[in-house]
Amino acid sequence: MVRLEGTNVQQGKDILAMSGLPIIAANDLGDAAKKIVAEVNQAVPA
């Protein structure tokens, strides 16, 4: 999970997207929290 903010945010997001790494981008801390909970729920069998 990564959160970027500031100058050249889009450039940083583009670099990460092209890296081939399994990165989940978040727009803010609330968005990051929701996304990580969703990822954990998918990874843990019911």
N, C-alpha and C. Protein backbone atom coordinates (compact mmCIF):
# COMPACT_ATOMS: atom_id res chain seq x y z
N MET A 1 0.86 -1.15 0.00
CA MET A 1 0.00 0.00 0.00
C MET A 1 0.91 1.22 0.00
N VAL A 2 0.57 2.17 -0.82
CA VAL A 2 1.37 3.39 -0.88
C VAL A 2 0.44 4.59 -0.99
N ARG A 3 0.85 5.67 -0.33
CA ARG A 3 0.11 6.93 -0.41
C ARG A 3 1.11 8.02 -0.77
N LEU A 4 0.85 8.72 -1.85
CA LEU A 4 1.73 9.80 -2.29
C LEU A 4 1.00 11.12 -2.19
N GLU A 5 1.75 12.16 -1.88
CA GLU A 5 1.17 13.49 -1.79
C GLU A 5 2.24 14.50 -2.12
N GLY A 6 1.85 15.61 -2.73
CA GLY A 6 2.79 16.68 -2.99
C GLY A 6 3.09 16.86 -4.47
N THR A 7 4.20 17.53 -4.74
CA THR A 7 4.63 17.82 -6.09
C THR A 7 4.95 16.53 -6.83
N ASN A 8 4.56 16.47 -8.09
CA ASN A 8 4.85 15.33 -8.97
C ASN A 8 4.19 14.02 -8.53
N VAL A 9 3.04 14.12 -7.87
CA VAL A 9 2.32 12.92 -7.43
C VAL A 9 2.00 12.03 -8.62
N GLN A 10 1.49 12.60 -9.69
CA GLN A 10 1.10 11.78 -10.83
C GLN A 10 2.32 11.08 -11.43
N GLN A 11 3.44 11.76 -11.50
CA GLN A 11 4.66 11.13 -12.01
C GLN A 11 5.06 9.95 -11.13
N GLY A 12 4.98 10.11 -9.83
CA GLY A 12 5.29 9.03 -8.91
C GLY A 12 4.35 7.85 -9.07
N LYS A 13 3.04 8.14 -9.21
CA LYS A 13 2.05 7.08 -9.41
C LYS A 13 2.32 6.33 -10.71
N ASP A 14 2.68 7.06 -11.75
CA ASP A 14 2.97 6.43 -13.04
C ASP A 14 4.18 5.50 -12.94
N ILE A 15 5.22 5.95 -12.26
CA ILE A 15 6.42 5.12 -12.08
C ILE A 15 6.08 3.85 -11.32
N LEU A 16 5.31 3.99 -10.24
CA LEU A 16 4.93 2.82 -9.46
C LEU A 16 4.05 1.87 -10.27
N ALA A 17 3.13 2.42 -11.06
CA ALA A 17 2.24 1.59 -11.87
C ALA A 17 3.02 0.79 -12.90
N MET A 18 4.08 1.36 -13.43
CA MET A 18 4.89 0.69 -14.44
C MET A 18 5.96 -0.22 -13.84
N SER A 19 6.10 -0.22 -12.53
CA SER A 19 7.17 -0.99 -11.88
C SER A 19 6.92 -2.49 -11.90
N GLY A 20 5.67 -2.90 -12.06
CA GLY A 20 5.35 -4.31 -12.01
C GLY A 20 5.20 -4.84 -10.60
N LEU A 21 5.38 -4.00 -9.60
CA LEU A 21 5.21 -4.41 -8.21
C LEU A 21 3.73 -4.42 -7.85
N PRO A 22 3.32 -5.30 -6.96
CA PRO A 22 1.90 -5.36 -6.57
C PRO A 22 1.53 -4.26 -5.57
N ILE A 23 1.49 -3.04 -6.04
CA ILE A 23 1.24 -1.87 -5.20
C ILE A 23 -0.22 -1.47 -5.31
N ILE A 24 -0.82 -1.17 -4.18
CA ILE A 24 -2.18 -0.66 -4.14
C ILE A 24 -2.09 0.82 -3.79
N ALA A 25 -2.56 1.67 -4.67
CA ALA A 25 -2.49 3.11 -4.44
C ALA A 25 -3.70 3.58 -3.65
N ALA A 26 -3.48 4.54 -2.77
CA ALA A 26 -4.56 5.13 -1.98
C ALA A 26 -4.49 6.64 -2.10
N ASN A 27 -5.66 7.28 -2.08
CA ASN A 27 -5.71 8.73 -2.22
C ASN A 27 -5.51 9.46 -0.90
N ASP A 28 -5.90 8.83 0.21
CA ASP A 28 -5.72 9.43 1.53
C ASP A 28 -5.72 8.30 2.56
N LEU A 29 -5.55 8.64 3.81
CA LEU A 29 -5.44 7.60 4.84
C LEU A 29 -6.73 6.81 5.02
N GLY A 30 -7.88 7.45 4.86
CA GLY A 30 -9.15 6.75 4.94
C GLY A 30 -9.30 5.74 3.81
N ASP A 31 -8.94 6.15 2.62
CA ASP A 31 -8.96 5.27 1.45
C ASP A 31 -7.99 4.11 1.66
N ALA A 32 -6.82 4.38 2.19
CA ALA A 32 -5.83 3.33 2.46
C ALA A 32 -6.37 2.33 3.47
N ALA A 33 -7.02 2.80 4.51
CA ALA A 33 -7.56 1.90 5.53
C ALA A 33 -8.62 0.99 4.92
N LYS A 34 -9.52 1.53 4.11
CA LYS A 34 -10.55 0.73 3.47
C LYS A 34 -9.95 -0.33 2.55
N LYS A 35 -8.93 0.07 1.80
CA LYS A 35 -8.32 -0.86 0.85
C LYS A 35 -7.55 -1.97 1.56
N ILE A 36 -6.85 -1.66 2.63
CA ILE A 36 -6.09 -2.69 3.32
C ILE A 36 -7.03 -3.67 4.01
N VAL A 37 -8.15 -3.18 4.55
CA VAL A 37 -9.14 -4.08 5.16
C VAL A 37 -9.70 -5.02 4.09
N ALA A 38 -10.00 -4.50 2.92
CA ALA A 38 -10.52 -5.33 1.83
C ALA A 38 -9.50 -6.38 1.42
N GLU A 39 -8.22 -6.01 1.35
CA GLU A 39 -7.17 -6.95 0.99
C GLU A 39 -7.02 -8.06 2.04
N VAL A 40 -7.06 -7.68 3.29
CA VAL A 40 -6.95 -8.67 4.36
C VAL A 40 -8.15 -9.62 4.32
N ASN A 41 -9.34 -9.10 4.12
CA ASN A 41 -10.53 -9.94 4.05
C ASN A 41 -10.46 -10.93 2.89
N GLN A 42 -9.85 -10.53 1.77
CA GLN A 42 -9.70 -11.44 0.64
C GLN A 42 -8.65 -12.52 0.92
N ALA A 43 -7.63 -12.17 1.68
CA ALA A 43 -6.52 -13.09 1.93
C ALA A 43 -6.85 -14.14 3.00
N VAL A 44 -7.75 -13.80 3.90
CA VAL A 44 -8.08 -14.70 5.01
C VAL A 44 -9.30 -15.52 4.62
N PRO A 45 -9.17 -16.87 4.63
CA PRO A 45 -10.34 -17.69 4.29
C PRO A 45 -11.46 -17.53 5.31
N ALA A 46 -12.67 -17.57 4.83
CA ALA A 46 -13.85 -17.39 5.72
C ALA A 46 -14.10 -18.62 6.55
